[in-house]
Amino acid sequence: MPVKSYTTRPLTPGVYGPLPTFFDDEQEIDFVSYKKHLLLPVCMGSLGEASHLTPEERISIIKFIRLTLDQEGMQNRAIVAGVGGSSTRESIRFARDAAEAGADAGMVILPAYYAASLNADPEQVIQYYVDICAASPIPILLYNFPANSAGQDMSSDIIEEIMRRAPNLCGVKLTCPGSLCKLLRINSSVQNDPSLTSSRSHSFPFLFLDGLIADLTPWMTSGGHGTVSGIPNFAPAAGVRLFQLCTEKSKRGKLSGEEENELRMIQDTLSRADVLAVPGGVRAMKYALHKMHGYSLAPRRPLLPLGDEEGEKYMRVFKPMLDLEGSLEKRVLGEI
């Protein structure tokens, strides 16, 4: 079956905020809260509870995001949709549905159910991405996140082989132990063989994205291009400012003393919040956003909302980050 062609918006280096999916008291999608929350480059990943959504709901959310962004004058804002499914066939279907709904790229995590069988032969993992990329009408990001894929952790060698054999792969997102080391090894291979990233079927540069804002500074100085982090859902201005400073440091080699102090302060503040936010996952994020903006704090069952005692522990740790955000919000977000 021929792959239908779509004109997609390019993905660029930056801070990508994985949007939560808000639900009302009846467990239906709360589009009112969704519209209020749309910020920054848009990415629907594990924090968006994609595995809890029906195919029809995934499509409706992508269409709603595209319409909302266009109405707000952000027609150039790209949408990355989580399109990983339980099988190659399902992931291809999700990718095609996402493209038809208005997504510009898809992000694919390894399926968890047959993790042991997949791990028994790395060729299966490689072929999974090769097949999806070949059949997807939009570029695909590889998403390596062992915590959400039954412990499956792709090595840099496996990722490089997928890059060689899948020209429609547009980048990788690494949320895994040793992610920085993997980035260094892959970048070294790219230096020796530029075709690893230059021979792409899309026009924009291949992206190496971190899955944690906690180590964005070393990530950027090691050849990375940005992050997909839940932290910008709470502190978009602080996340953008950190990325700006990291970019300047990479370009100029060093920052002024004042800029270096600001970078360290922001990185430290966001890192402390990120360390707690990651294990808290979508439940902690929704609790915090409920306290901050009044959104529904309910994930989709079987997940249950955090109770106040546990939730307030997160809020106490998040307070320095939220104070920082308040000091940066007008200055930084006014520039983008």
C-alpha atoms as a PDB file:
ATOM      1  CA  MET A   1       0.000   0.000   0.000  1.00  0.00           C
ATOM      2  CA  PRO A   2       1.575   3.345  -1.044  1.00  0.00           C
ATOM      3  CA  VAL A   3       2.305   5.824   1.731  1.00  0.00           C
ATOM      4  CA  LYS A   4       0.234   9.000   1.436  1.00  0.00           C
ATOM      5  CA  SER A   5       2.327  12.176   1.407  1.00  0.00           C
ATOM      6  CA  TYR A   6       1.780  14.989   3.921  1.00  0.00           C
ATOM      7  CA  THR A   7       3.343  18.423   4.242  1.00  0.00           C
ATOM      8  CA  THR A   8       4.671  18.554   7.791  1.00  0.00           C
ATOM      9  CA  ARG A   9       6.141  21.299   9.945  1.00  0.00           C
ATOM     10  CA  PRO A  10       9.819  20.846  10.790  1.00  0.00           C
ATOM     11  CA  LEU A  11      10.942  19.856  14.259  1.00  0.00           C
ATOM     12  CA  THR A  12      13.542  22.178  15.702  1.00  0.00           C
ATOM     13  CA  PRO A  13      15.895  22.105  18.695  1.00  0.00           C
ATOM     14  CA  GLY A  14      14.164  23.287  21.846  1.00  0.00           C
ATOM     15  CA  VAL A  15      12.081  22.461  24.878  1.00  0.00           C
ATOM     16  CA  TYR A  16       9.160  20.125  24.185  1.00  0.00           C
ATOM     17  CA  GLY A  17       6.414  19.879  26.788  1.00  0.00           C
ATOM     18  CA  PRO A  18       4.627  16.491  26.897  1.00  0.00           C
ATOM     19  CA  LEU A  19       1.026  17.494  27.447  1.00  0.00           C
ATOM     20  CA  PRO A  20      -1.179  15.685  29.942  1.00  0.00           C
ATOM     21  CA  THR A  21      -4.639  14.598  28.833  1.00  0.00           C
ATOM     22  CA  PHE A  22      -7.244  16.081  31.145  1.00  0.00           C
ATOM     23  CA  PHE A  23     -10.355  14.123  32.115  1.00  0.00           C
ATOM     24  CA  ASP A  24     -13.565  15.256  33.774  1.00  0.00           C
ATOM     25  CA  ASP A  25     -15.440  13.529  36.602  1.00  0.00           C
ATOM     26  CA  GLU A  26     -16.954  11.083  34.111  1.00  0.00           C
ATOM     27  CA  GLN A  27     -13.503  10.139  32.737  1.00  0.00           C
ATOM     28  CA  GLU A  28     -14.234  11.934  29.451  1.00  0.00           C
ATOM     29  CA  ILE A  29     -11.657  14.244  27.836  1.00  0.00           C
ATOM     30  CA  ASP A  30     -11.774  17.762  29.288  1.00  0.00           C
ATOM     31  CA  PHE A  31     -11.104  19.927  26.225  1.00  0.00           C
ATOM     32  CA  VAL A  32     -11.667  23.171  28.143  1.00  0.00           C
ATOM     33  CA  SER A  33      -8.669  22.499  30.388  1.00  0.00           C
ATOM     34  CA  TYR A  34      -6.692  21.228  27.403  1.00  0.00           C
ATOM     35  CA  LYS A  35      -7.145  24.519  25.548  1.00  0.00           C
ATOM     36  CA  LYS A  36      -6.031  26.546  28.565  1.00  0.00           C
ATOM     37  CA  HIS A  37      -2.866  24.528  28.885  1.00  0.00           C
ATOM     38  CA  LEU A  38      -1.441  24.504  25.338  1.00  0.00           C
ATOM     39  CA  LEU A  39       2.129  25.865  25.548  1.00  0.00           C
ATOM     40  CA  LEU A  40       5.534  25.511  23.855  1.00  0.00           C
ATOM     41  CA  PRO A  41       6.358  22.887  21.200  1.00  0.00           C
ATOM     42  CA  VAL A  42       3.697  20.228  21.628  1.00  0.00           C
ATOM     43  CA  CYS A  43       4.453  16.596  22.358  1.00  0.00           C
ATOM     44  CA  MET A  44       1.982  13.881  23.393  1.00  0.00           C
ATOM     45  CA  GLY A  45       3.920  11.116  25.117  1.00  0.00           C
ATOM     46  CA  SER A  46       3.625   8.867  28.159  1.00  0.00           C
ATOM     47  CA  LEU A  47       2.492  11.768  30.354  1.00  0.00           C
ATOM     48  CA  GLY A  48      -0.413  12.204  27.958  1.00  0.00           C
ATOM     49  CA  GLU A  49      -1.724   8.741  28.892  1.00  0.00           C
ATOM     50  CA  ALA A  50      -1.800   7.682  25.247  1.00  0.00           C
ATOM     51  CA  SER A  51      -2.158   4.044  26.307  1.00  0.00           C
ATOM     52  CA  HIS A  52      -5.432   4.958  28.048  1.00  0.00           C
ATOM     53  CA  LEU A  53      -6.959   6.576  24.958  1.00  0.00           C
ATOM     54  CA  THR A  54      -9.009   4.961  22.222  1.00  0.00           C
ATOM     55  CA  PRO A  55      -7.861   5.497  18.613  1.00  0.00           C
ATOM     56  CA  GLU A  56     -10.801   7.867  18.128  1.00  0.00           C
ATOM     57  CA  GLU A  57      -9.793   9.893  21.201  1.00  0.00           C
ATOM     58  CA  ARG A  58      -6.208  10.182  19.978  1.00  0.00           C
ATOM     59  CA  ILE A  59      -7.456  11.563  16.680  1.00  0.00           C
ATOM     60  CA  SER A  60      -9.854  13.993  18.342  1.00  0.00           C
ATOM     61  CA  ILE A  61      -7.108  15.373  20.603  1.00  0.00           C
ATOM     62  CA  ILE A  62      -4.657  15.932  17.732  1.00  0.00           C
ATOM     63  CA  LYS A  63      -7.346  17.667  15.680  1.00  0.00           C
ATOM     64  CA  PHE A  64      -8.266  19.830  18.663  1.00  0.00           C
ATOM     65  CA  ILE A  65      -4.635  20.818  19.297  1.00  0.00           C
ATOM     66  CA  ARG A  66      -4.061  21.691  15.645  1.00  0.00           C
ATOM     67  CA  LEU A  67      -7.226  23.777  15.476  1.00  0.00           C
ATOM     68  CA  THR A  68      -6.441  25.571  18.736  1.00  0.00           C
ATOM     69  CA  LEU A  69      -2.851  26.368  17.728  1.00  0.00           C
ATOM     70  CA  ASP A  70      -3.971  27.650  14.330  1.00  0.00           C
ATOM     71  CA  GLN A  71      -6.658  29.849  15.886  1.00  0.00           C
ATOM     72  CA  GLU A  72      -4.054  31.335  18.231  1.00  0.00           C
ATOM     73  CA  GLY A  73      -1.737  32.280  15.370  1.00  0.00           C
ATOM     74  CA  MET A  74       0.673  29.380  15.921  1.00  0.00           C
ATOM     75  CA  GLN A  75       0.267  27.698  12.542  1.00  0.00           C
ATOM     76  CA  ASN A  76       3.984  26.866  12.431  1.00  0.00           C
ATOM     77  CA  ARG A  77       3.957  25.058  15.773  1.00  0.00           C
ATOM     78  CA  ALA A  78       4.688  21.366  15.211  1.00  0.00           C
ATOM     79  CA  ILE A  79       2.808  18.550  16.944  1.00  0.00           C
ATOM     80  CA  VAL A  80       4.552  15.329  17.931  1.00  0.00           C
ATOM     81  CA  ALA A  81       2.093  12.543  18.722  1.00  0.00           C
ATOM     82  CA  GLY A  82       2.758   9.333  20.606  1.00  0.00           C
ATOM     83  CA  VAL A  83       1.961   6.604  18.064  1.00  0.00           C
ATOM     84  CA  GLY A  84       3.507   3.517  19.654  1.00  0.00           C
ATOM     85  CA  GLY A  85       1.149   0.564  19.839  1.00  0.00           C
ATOM     86  CA  SER A  86       1.228  -3.069  20.913  1.00  0.00           C
ATOM     87  CA  SER A  87       2.278  -4.288  17.474  1.00  0.00           C
ATOM     88  CA  THR A  88       3.942  -2.988  14.332  1.00  0.00           C
ATOM     89  CA  ARG A  89       0.595  -3.004  12.536  1.00  0.00           C
ATOM     90  CA  GLU A  90      -1.115  -0.998  15.283  1.00  0.00           C
ATOM     91  CA  SER A  91       1.723   1.542  15.463  1.00  0.00           C
ATOM     92  CA  ILE A  92       1.538   2.097  11.707  1.00  0.00           C
ATOM     93  CA  ARG A  93      -2.203   2.632  11.994  1.00  0.00           C
ATOM     94  CA  PHE A  94      -1.692   5.139  14.807  1.00  0.00           C
ATOM     95  CA  ALA A  95       0.959   6.977  12.747  1.00  0.00           C
ATOM     96  CA  ARG A  96      -1.352   7.231   9.745  1.00  0.00           C
ATOM     97  CA  ASP A  97      -4.271   8.361  11.902  1.00  0.00           C
ATOM     98  CA  ALA A  98      -2.045  10.981  13.573  1.00  0.00           C
ATOM     99  CA  ALA A  99      -0.895  12.307  10.207  1.00  0.00           C
ATOM    100  CA  GLU A 100      -4.460  12.577   8.948  1.00  0.00           C
ATOM    101  CA  ALA A 101      -5.441  14.429  12.135  1.00  0.00           C
ATOM    102  CA  GLY A 102      -2.658  17.019  11.766  1.00  0.00           C
ATOM    103  CA  ALA A 103       0.407  15.689  13.605  1.00  0.00           C
ATOM    104  CA  ASP A 104       3.798  16.508  12.117  1.00  0.00           C
ATOM    105  CA  ALA A 105       5.786  13.633  13.622  1.00  0.00           C
ATOM    106  CA  GLY A 106       5.175  10.493  15.620  1.00  0.00           C
ATOM    107  CA  MET A 107       7.019   9.157  18.652  1.00  0.00           C
ATOM    108  CA  VAL A 108       7.326   5.396  19.143  1.00  0.00           C
ATOM    109  CA  ILE A 109       8.219   3.530  22.328  1.00  0.00           C
ATOM    110  CA  LEU A 110       8.832  -0.223  22.334  1.00  0.00           C
ATOM    111  CA  PRO A 111       5.743  -2.329  23.117  1.00  0.00           C
ATOM    112  CA  ALA A 112       5.894  -3.820  26.604  1.00  0.00           C
ATOM    113  CA  TYR A 113       3.756  -6.971  26.489  1.00  0.00           C
ATOM    114  CA  TYR A 114       6.280  -9.213  24.718  1.00  0.00           C
ATOM    115  CA  ALA A 115       9.350  -7.498  26.127  1.00  0.00           C
ATOM    116  CA  ALA A 116      11.154 -10.739  26.956  1.00  0.00           C
ATOM    117  CA  SER A 117      10.653 -12.096  23.442  1.00  0.00           C
ATOM    118  CA  LEU A 118      11.760  -8.819  21.846  1.00  0.00           C
ATOM    119  CA  ASN A 119      14.888  -8.701  23.985  1.00  0.00           C
ATOM    120  CA  ALA A 120      15.808 -12.232  22.909  1.00  0.00           C
ATOM    121  CA  ASP A 121      16.688 -10.983  19.406  1.00  0.00           C
ATOM    122  CA  PRO A 122      17.687  -7.332  18.824  1.00  0.00           C
ATOM    123  CA  GLU A 123      16.863  -7.692  15.126  1.00  0.00           C
ATOM    124  CA  GLN A 124      13.185  -7.685  16.109  1.00  0.00           C
ATOM    125  CA  VAL A 125      13.598  -4.308  17.802  1.00  0.00           C
ATOM    126  CA  ILE A 126      15.427  -2.905  14.795  1.00  0.00           C
ATOM    127  CA  GLN A 127      12.862  -4.240  12.346  1.00  0.00           C
ATOM    128  CA  TYR A 128      10.019  -2.833  14.456  1.00  0.00           C
ATOM    129  CA  TYR A 129      11.265   0.717  13.875  1.00  0.00           C
ATOM    130  CA  VAL A 130      12.331   0.093  10.282  1.00  0.00           C
ATOM    131  CA  ASP A 131       8.849  -1.156   9.377  1.00  0.00           C
ATOM    132  CA  ILE A 132       7.024   1.672  11.141  1.00  0.00           C
ATOM    133  CA  CYS A 133       9.263   4.334   9.613  1.00  0.00           C
ATOM    134  CA  ALA A 134       8.810   2.851   6.141  1.00  0.00           C
ATOM    135  CA  ALA A 135       5.027   2.855   6.399  1.00  0.00           C
ATOM    136  CA  SER A 136       4.525   6.112   8.309  1.00  0.00           C
ATOM    137  CA  PRO A 137       3.524   9.196   6.300  1.00  0.00           C
ATOM    138  CA  ILE A 138       5.160  11.439   8.949  1.00  0.00           C
ATOM    139  CA  PRO A 139       8.679  11.330  10.409  1.00  0.00           C
ATOM    140  CA  ILE A 140       9.216   9.152  13.472  1.00  0.00           C
ATOM    141  CA  LEU A 141      11.089   9.768  16.722  1.00  0.00           C
ATOM    142  CA  LEU A 142      12.554   6.748  18.503  1.00  0.00           C
ATOM    143  CA  TYR A 143      11.656   6.841  22.210  1.00  0.00           C
ATOM    144  CA  ASN A 144      13.852   4.803  24.554  1.00  0.00           C
ATOM    145  CA  PHE A 145      12.193   4.702  27.983  1.00  0.00           C
ATOM    146  CA  PRO A 146      12.852   1.442  29.853  1.00  0.00           C
ATOM    147  CA  ALA A 147      10.613   2.364  32.810  1.00  0.00           C
ATOM    148  CA  ASN A 148       7.570   2.414  30.518  1.00  0.00           C
ATOM    149  CA  SER A 149       8.529  -0.460  28.213  1.00  0.00           C
ATOM    150  CA  ALA A 150       9.010  -3.308  30.710  1.00  0.00           C
ATOM    151  CA  GLY A 151      12.706  -2.581  31.146  1.00  0.00           C
ATOM    152  CA  GLN A 152      13.664  -2.662  27.460  1.00  0.00           C
ATOM    153  CA  ASP A 153      16.689  -0.434  27.001  1.00  0.00           C
ATOM    154  CA  MET A 154      18.067   0.016  23.498  1.00  0.00           C
ATOM    155  CA  SER A 155      21.845   0.223  23.243  1.00  0.00           C
ATOM    156  CA  SER A 156      23.580   2.890  21.175  1.00  0.00           C
ATOM    157  CA  ASP A 157      24.518   0.158  18.643  1.00  0.00           C
ATOM    158  CA  ILE A 158      20.859  -0.780  18.149  1.00  0.00           C
ATOM    159  CA  ILE A 159      19.842   2.874  17.815  1.00  0.00           C
ATOM    160  CA  GLU A 160      22.598   3.483  15.261  1.00  0.00           C
ATOM    161  CA  GLU A 161      21.499   0.475  13.201  1.00  0.00           C
ATOM    162  CA  ILE A 162      17.912   1.777  13.182  1.00  0.00           C
ATOM    163  CA  MET A 163      19.215   5.158  12.047  1.00  0.00           C
ATOM    164  CA  ARG A 164      21.076   3.492   9.167  1.00  0.00           C
ATOM    165  CA  ARG A 165      18.097   1.489   7.977  1.00  0.00           C
ATOM    166  CA  ALA A 166      15.221   3.928   8.604  1.00  0.00           C
ATOM    167  CA  PRO A 167      15.589   7.203   6.664  1.00  0.00           C
ATOM    168  CA  ASN A 168      12.203   8.385   7.969  1.00  0.00           C
ATOM    169  CA  LEU A 169      13.562   8.390  11.524  1.00  0.00           C
ATOM    170  CA  CYS A 170      13.914  12.056  12.449  1.00  0.00           C
ATOM    171  CA  GLY A 171      15.412  11.820  15.935  1.00  0.00           C
ATOM    172  CA  VAL A 172      15.718   9.989  19.206  1.00  0.00           C
ATOM    173  CA  LYS A 173      14.487  10.747  22.699  1.00  0.00           C
ATOM    174  CA  LEU A 174      16.484   9.086  25.474  1.00  0.00           C
ATOM    175  CA  THR A 175      14.902   8.709  28.901  1.00  0.00           C
ATOM    176  CA  CYS A 176      17.156   5.958  30.123  1.00  0.00           C
ATOM    177  CA  PRO A 177      20.152   5.177  32.339  1.00  0.00           C
ATOM    178  CA  GLY A 178      23.378   6.233  30.663  1.00  0.00           C
ATOM    179  CA  SER A 179      21.576   8.470  28.166  1.00  0.00           C
ATOM    180  CA  LEU A 180      24.458  10.951  28.043  1.00  0.00           C
ATOM    181  CA  CYS A 181      26.959   8.174  27.301  1.00  0.00           C
ATOM    182  CA  LYS A 182      24.699   6.911  24.519  1.00  0.00           C
ATOM    183  CA  LEU A 183      24.516  10.403  23.065  1.00  0.00           C
ATOM    184  CA  LEU A 184      28.314  10.692  23.081  1.00  0.00           C
ATOM    185  CA  ARG A 185      28.743   7.316  21.363  1.00  0.00           C
ATOM    186  CA  ILE A 186      26.120   8.052  18.708  1.00  0.00           C
ATOM    187  CA  ASN A 187      27.550  11.506  18.048  1.00  0.00           C
ATOM    188  CA  SER A 188      30.997   9.968  17.679  1.00  0.00           C
ATOM    189  CA  SER A 189      29.604   7.576  15.071  1.00  0.00           C
ATOM    190  CA  VAL A 190      27.961  10.499  13.272  1.00  0.00           C
ATOM    191  CA  GLN A 191      31.304  12.303  13.123  1.00  0.00           C
ATOM    192  CA  ASN A 192      32.840   9.219  11.483  1.00  0.00           C
ATOM    193  CA  ASP A 193      29.853   8.639   9.202  1.00  0.00           C
ATOM    194  CA  PRO A 194      27.816  11.821   8.565  1.00  0.00           C
ATOM    195  CA  SER A 195      25.337   9.853   6.442  1.00  0.00           C
ATOM    196  CA  LEU A 196      23.890   8.507   9.694  1.00  0.00           C
ATOM    197  CA  THR A 197      22.010  11.777  10.107  1.00  0.00           C
ATOM    198  CA  SER A 198      22.282  13.435   6.689  1.00  0.00           C
ATOM    199  CA  SER A 199      20.519  10.753   4.634  1.00  0.00           C
ATOM    200  CA  ARG A 200      17.015  11.508   5.888  1.00  0.00           C
ATOM    201  CA  SER A 201      13.685  11.623   4.086  1.00  0.00           C
ATOM    202  CA  HIS A 202      12.772  14.880   5.849  1.00  0.00           C
ATOM    203  CA  SER A 203      14.320  18.322   5.436  1.00  0.00           C
ATOM    204  CA  PHE A 204      15.115  19.277   9.043  1.00  0.00           C
ATOM    205  CA  PRO A 205      18.192  18.160  11.037  1.00  0.00           C
ATOM    206  CA  PHE A 206      18.172  14.902  12.978  1.00  0.00           C
ATOM    207  CA  LEU A 207      17.361  15.617  16.637  1.00  0.00           C
ATOM    208  CA  PHE A 208      18.872  14.175  19.806  1.00  0.00           C
ATOM    209  CA  LEU A 209      16.439  14.952  22.621  1.00  0.00           C
ATOM    210  CA  ASP A 210      16.922  14.356  26.313  1.00  0.00           C
ATOM    211  CA  GLY A 211      14.078  12.908  28.350  1.00  0.00           C
ATOM    212  CA  LEU A 212      15.054  14.773  31.518  1.00  0.00           C
ATOM    213  CA  ILE A 213      15.613  18.467  32.011  1.00  0.00           C
ATOM    214  CA  ALA A 214      17.785  17.577  35.024  1.00  0.00           C
ATOM    215  CA  ASP A 215      20.847  17.076  32.816  1.00  0.00           C
ATOM    216  CA  LEU A 216      20.100  19.509  29.996  1.00  0.00           C
ATOM    217  CA  THR A 217      23.347  21.474  30.454  1.00  0.00           C
ATOM    218  CA  PRO A 218      25.736  18.544  29.837  1.00  0.00           C
ATOM    219  CA  TRP A 219      23.345  17.180  27.201  1.00  0.00           C
ATOM    220  CA  MET A 220      23.561  20.364  25.145  1.00  0.00           C
ATOM    221  CA  THR A 221      27.328  20.672  25.480  1.00  0.00           C
ATOM    222  CA  SER A 222      27.633  17.052  24.277  1.00  0.00           C
ATOM    223  CA  GLY A 223      25.795  17.646  21.003  1.00  0.00           C
ATOM    224  CA  GLY A 224      22.179  17.304  22.102  1.00  0.00           C
ATOM    225  CA  HIS A 225      19.399  19.490  20.749  1.00  0.00           C
ATOM    226  CA  GLY A 226      16.969  19.931  23.632  1.00  0.00           C
ATOM    227  CA  THR A 227      14.600  18.077  25.891  1.00  0.00           C
ATOM    228  CA  VAL A 228      11.159  16.544  26.159  1.00  0.00           C
ATOM    229  CA  SER A 229      10.386  17.121  29.812  1.00  0.00           C
ATOM    230  CA  GLY A 230       7.296  17.320  31.971  1.00  0.00           C
ATOM    231  CA  ILE A 231       8.800  20.273  33.870  1.00  0.00           C
ATOM    232  CA  PRO A 232       7.737  22.880  31.241  1.00  0.00           C
ATOM    233  CA  ASN A 233       4.134  22.040  32.104  1.00  0.00           C
ATOM    234  CA  PHE A 234       4.814  23.845  35.404  1.00  0.00           C
ATOM    235  CA  ALA A 235       7.669  26.183  34.508  1.00  0.00           C
ATOM    236  CA  PRO A 236       7.772  26.929  30.759  1.00  0.00           C
ATOM    237  CA  ALA A 237       9.669  30.204  31.127  1.00  0.00           C
ATOM    238  CA  ALA A 238      12.380  28.616  33.268  1.00  0.00           C
ATOM    239  CA  GLY A 239      12.730  25.730  30.815  1.00  0.00           C
ATOM    240  CA  VAL A 240      13.018  28.091  27.845  1.00  0.00           C
ATOM    241  CA  ARG A 241      15.536  30.305  29.632  1.00  0.00           C
ATOM    242  CA  LEU A 242      17.689  27.303  30.528  1.00  0.00           C
ATOM    243  CA  PHE A 243      17.634  26.176  26.894  1.00  0.00           C
ATOM    244  CA  GLN A 244      18.569  29.685  25.728  1.00  0.00           C
ATOM    245  CA  LEU A 245      21.569  29.811  28.053  1.00  0.00           C
ATOM    246  CA  CYS A 246      22.693  26.291  27.105  1.00  0.00           C
ATOM    247  CA  THR A 247      22.433  27.207  23.410  1.00  0.00           C
ATOM    248  CA  GLU A 248      24.496  30.356  23.912  1.00  0.00           C
ATOM    249  CA  LYS A 249      27.124  28.412  25.838  1.00  0.00           C
ATOM    250  CA  SER A 250      27.370  25.849  23.039  1.00  0.00           C
ATOM    251  CA  LYS A 251      27.724  28.582  20.395  1.00  0.00           C
ATOM    252  CA  ARG A 252      30.155  30.867  22.220  1.00  0.00           C
ATOM    253  CA  GLY A 253      32.105  28.320  24.220  1.00  0.00           C
ATOM    254  CA  LYS A 254      31.469  30.148  27.472  1.00  0.00           C
ATOM    255  CA  LEU A 255      29.057  32.586  29.074  1.00  0.00           C
ATOM    256  CA  SER A 256      29.590  35.756  31.029  1.00  0.00           C
ATOM    257  CA  GLY A 257      29.897  35.336  34.776  1.00  0.00           C
ATOM    258  CA  GLU A 258      26.363  36.587  35.307  1.00  0.00           C
ATOM    259  CA  GLU A 259      24.947  34.270  32.654  1.00  0.00           C
ATOM    260  CA  GLU A 260      26.861  31.278  34.027  1.00  0.00           C
ATOM    261  CA  ASN A 261      25.479  31.920  37.499  1.00  0.00           C
ATOM    262  CA  GLU A 262      21.966  32.180  36.095  1.00  0.00           C
ATOM    263  CA  LEU A 263      22.388  28.938  34.150  1.00  0.00           C
ATOM    264  CA  ARG A 264      23.598  27.073  37.242  1.00  0.00           C
ATOM    265  CA  MET A 265      20.792  28.459  39.379  1.00  0.00           C
ATOM    266  CA  ILE A 266      18.058  27.524  36.903  1.00  0.00           C
ATOM    267  CA  GLN A 267      19.568  24.110  36.204  1.00  0.00           C
ATOM    268  CA  ASP A 268      19.841  23.328  39.915  1.00  0.00           C
ATOM    269  CA  THR A 269      16.276  24.438  40.643  1.00  0.00           C
ATOM    270  CA  LEU A 270      14.728  22.492  37.774  1.00  0.00           C
ATOM    271  CA  SER A 271      16.873  19.427  38.452  1.00  0.00           C
ATOM    272  CA  ARG A 272      15.669  19.188  42.034  1.00  0.00           C
ATOM    273  CA  ALA A 273      12.057  19.342  40.856  1.00  0.00           C
ATOM    274  CA  ASP A 274      12.671  16.897  38.002  1.00  0.00           C
ATOM    275  CA  VAL A 275      14.196  14.252  40.259  1.00  0.00           C
ATOM    276  CA  LEU A 276      10.924  14.105  42.198  1.00  0.00           C
ATOM    277  CA  ALA A 277       8.565  14.633  39.268  1.00  0.00           C
ATOM    278  CA  VAL A 278       9.795  11.688  37.187  1.00  0.00           C
ATOM    279  CA  PRO A 279       8.841   8.909  39.645  1.00  0.00           C
ATOM    280  CA  GLY A 280       5.626  10.783  40.489  1.00  0.00           C
ATOM    281  CA  GLY A 281       4.650  10.609  36.829  1.00  0.00           C
ATOM    282  CA  VAL A 282       1.290  11.748  35.509  1.00  0.00           C
ATOM    283  CA  ARG A 283      -0.383  11.583  38.953  1.00  0.00           C
ATOM    284  CA  ALA A 284       2.045  14.095  40.469  1.00  0.00           C
ATOM    285  CA  MET A 285       1.856  16.336  37.409  1.00  0.00           C
ATOM    286  CA  LYS A 286      -1.931  16.436  37.508  1.00  0.00           C
ATOM    287  CA  TYR A 287      -1.975  17.143  41.226  1.00  0.00           C
ATOM    288  CA  ALA A 288       0.371  20.102  40.782  1.00  0.00           C
ATOM    289  CA  LEU A 289      -1.536  21.486  37.784  1.00  0.00           C
ATOM    290  CA  HIS A 290      -4.784  21.122  39.713  1.00  0.00           C
ATOM    291  CA  LYS A 291      -3.357  23.179  42.573  1.00  0.00           C
ATOM    292  CA  MET A 292      -1.878  25.764  40.211  1.00  0.00           C
ATOM    293  CA  HIS A 293      -4.658  26.166  37.636  1.00  0.00           C
ATOM    294  CA  GLY A 294      -7.710  24.255  38.859  1.00  0.00           C
ATOM    295  CA  TYR A 295      -7.561  21.543  36.200  1.00  0.00           C
ATOM    296  CA  SER A 296      -9.013  18.141  36.989  1.00  0.00           C
ATOM    297  CA  LEU A 297      -6.519  16.064  38.955  1.00  0.00           C
ATOM    298  CA  ALA A 298      -7.954  12.735  37.755  1.00  0.00           C
ATOM    299  CA  PRO A 299      -5.891  10.450  35.530  1.00  0.00           C
ATOM    300  CA  ARG A 300      -7.773   7.766  33.666  1.00  0.00           C
ATOM    301  CA  ARG A 301      -8.371   4.635  35.696  1.00  0.00           C
ATOM    302  CA  PRO A 302      -6.876   2.321  36.839  1.00  0.00           C
ATOM    303  CA  LEU A 303      -4.658   5.255  37.908  1.00  0.00           C
ATOM    304  CA  LEU A 304      -6.165   7.201  40.791  1.00  0.00           C
ATOM    305  CA  PRO A 305      -5.540  10.821  41.840  1.00  0.00           C
ATOM    306  CA  LEU A 306      -2.916  11.533  44.470  1.00  0.00           C
ATOM    307  CA  GLY A 307      -4.211  12.254  47.952  1.00  0.00           C
ATOM    308  CA  ASP A 308      -3.450  15.600  49.569  1.00  0.00           C
ATOM    309  CA  GLU A 309      -0.782  14.257  51.917  1.00  0.00           C
ATOM    310  CA  GLU A 310       1.326  12.794  49.128  1.00  0.00           C
ATOM    311  CA  GLY A 311       0.492  15.595  46.698  1.00  0.00           C
ATOM    312  CA  GLU A 312       1.583  18.333  49.067  1.00  0.00           C
ATOM    313  CA  LYS A 313       5.010  16.714  49.345  1.00  0.00           C
ATOM    314  CA  TYR A 314       5.428  17.405  45.646  1.00  0.00           C
ATOM    315  CA  MET A 315       4.183  20.955  45.989  1.00  0.00           C
ATOM    316  CA  ARG A 316       6.749  21.709  48.706  1.00  0.00           C
ATOM    317  CA  VAL A 317       9.569  20.477  46.489  1.00  0.00           C
ATOM    318  CA  PHE A 318       8.142  22.336  43.483  1.00  0.00           C
ATOM    319  CA  LYS A 319       7.899  25.666  45.339  1.00  0.00           C
ATOM    320  CA  PRO A 320      11.411  26.953  44.455  1.00  0.00           C
ATOM    321  CA  MET A 321      10.718  26.092  40.807  1.00  0.00           C
ATOM    322  CA  LEU A 322       7.370  27.883  40.856  1.00  0.00           C
ATOM    323  CA  ASP A 323       8.934  30.933  42.530  1.00  0.00           C
ATOM    324  CA  LEU A 324      11.618  30.962  39.820  1.00  0.00           C
ATOM    325  CA  GLU A 325       8.966  30.687  37.137  1.00  0.00           C
ATOM    326  CA  GLY A 326       7.145  33.686  38.536  1.00  0.00           C
ATOM    327  CA  SER A 327      10.316  35.768  38.319  1.00  0.00           C
ATOM    328  CA  LEU A 328      10.994  34.788  34.675  1.00  0.00           C
ATOM    329  CA  GLU A 329       7.546  34.453  33.154  1.00  0.00           C
ATOM    330  CA  LYS A 330       6.974  37.938  31.726  1.00  0.00           C
ATOM    331  CA  ARG A 331      10.544  38.425  30.541  1.00  0.00           C
ATOM    332  CA  VAL A 332      11.095  35.077  28.838  1.00  0.00           C
ATOM    333  CA  LEU A 333       7.685  34.130  27.437  1.00  0.00           C
ATOM    334  CA  GLY A 334       7.309  37.608  26.008  1.00  0.00           C
ATOM    335  CA  GLU A 335      10.278  36.855  23.741  1.00  0.00           C
ATOM    336  CA  ILE A 336       8.900  33.683  22.102  1.00  0.00           C
END
